[in-house]
Amino acid sequence: MKKIQGIENLLIYLNSKECPMTEAQIRNLITLRTIPHSQPFGDMLIFDKDHIDWWVTEQRNQLSRLTE
């Protein structure tokens, strides 16, 4: 299981997946508990790459259903 630590690293990863986002968007998704993440302690945020890949695919599927 590969992990991404921190929002900045997540932004880089999402950019590589052609899913660019801003830090504010990510923080909002975290607050809404919409994006898969864990917060083991304090301000540390961990994102599982497999879960993020699934989430990106789901977001694209939802967008394509809305545009059909």
Protein backbone atom coordinates (compact mmCIF):
# COMPACT_ATOMS: atom_id res chain seq x y z
CA MET A 1 0.00 0.00 0.00
CA LYS A 2 1.62 3.25 -1.16
CA LYS A 3 1.03 6.39 0.84
CA ILE A 4 1.12 10.09 0.07
CA GLN A 5 1.94 12.34 3.01
CA GLY A 6 0.59 15.87 3.04
CA ILE A 7 -1.54 18.02 0.81
CA GLU A 8 1.37 19.35 -1.26
CA ASN A 9 2.41 15.84 -2.26
CA LEU A 10 -1.21 14.97 -3.00
CA LEU A 11 -1.49 18.01 -5.28
CA ILE A 12 1.58 16.86 -7.22
CA TYR A 13 0.14 13.34 -7.50
CA LEU A 14 -3.28 14.58 -8.65
CA ASN A 15 -1.61 16.81 -11.22
CA SER A 16 0.21 13.75 -12.61
CA LYS A 17 -3.18 12.01 -12.87
CA GLU A 18 -4.56 14.98 -14.86
CA CYS A 19 -6.81 15.94 -11.98
CA PRO A 20 -5.40 19.33 -10.94
CA MET A 21 -6.79 20.85 -7.76
CA THR A 22 -5.92 23.65 -5.38
CA GLU A 23 -4.97 23.35 -1.74
CA ALA A 24 -8.23 25.10 -0.81
CA GLN A 25 -10.23 22.51 -2.76
CA ILE A 26 -8.43 19.64 -1.04
CA ARG A 27 -8.93 21.19 2.41
CA ASN A 28 -12.64 21.61 1.65
CA LEU A 29 -12.93 17.96 0.54
CA ILE A 30 -11.16 16.88 3.72
CA THR A 31 -13.55 18.97 5.83
CA LEU A 32 -16.52 17.44 4.00
CA ARG A 33 -14.93 13.98 4.35
CA THR A 34 -15.32 13.52 0.61
CA ILE A 35 -11.75 12.57 -0.26
CA PRO A 36 -10.27 9.41 1.30
CA HIS A 37 -7.63 10.26 3.87
CA SER A 38 -6.46 9.52 7.37
CA GLN A 39 -5.19 11.83 10.06
CA PRO A 40 -3.16 9.64 12.43
CA PHE A 41 -2.31 12.53 14.75
CA GLY A 42 -2.15 16.30 14.81
CA ASP A 43 -2.08 17.97 11.41
CA MET A 44 -0.52 14.98 9.64
CA LEU A 45 -2.56 13.87 6.63
CA ILE A 46 -2.01 10.56 4.85
CA PHE A 47 -3.58 9.59 1.54
CA ASP A 48 -3.52 6.01 0.21
CA LYS A 49 -2.65 6.06 -3.52
CA ASP A 50 -5.04 3.19 -4.31
CA HIS A 51 -7.91 4.99 -2.60
CA ILE A 52 -7.03 8.27 -4.32
CA ASP A 53 -6.90 6.51 -7.72
CA TRP A 54 -10.35 5.02 -7.01
CA TRP A 55 -11.64 8.44 -5.91
CA VAL A 56 -10.34 10.15 -9.08
CA THR A 57 -12.02 7.48 -11.22
CA GLU A 58 -15.30 7.95 -9.33
CA GLN A 59 -15.15 11.73 -9.78
CA ARG A 60 -14.60 11.31 -13.52
CA ASN A 61 -17.46 8.80 -13.75
CA GLN A 62 -19.82 11.17 -11.95
CA LEU A 63 -18.80 14.04 -14.22
CA SER A 64 -19.34 11.94 -17.35
CA ARG A 65 -22.80 10.88 -16.12
CA LEU A 66 -23.72 14.53 -15.59
CA THR A 67 -22.62 15.51 -19.07
CA GLU A 68 -24.44 12.69 -20.88
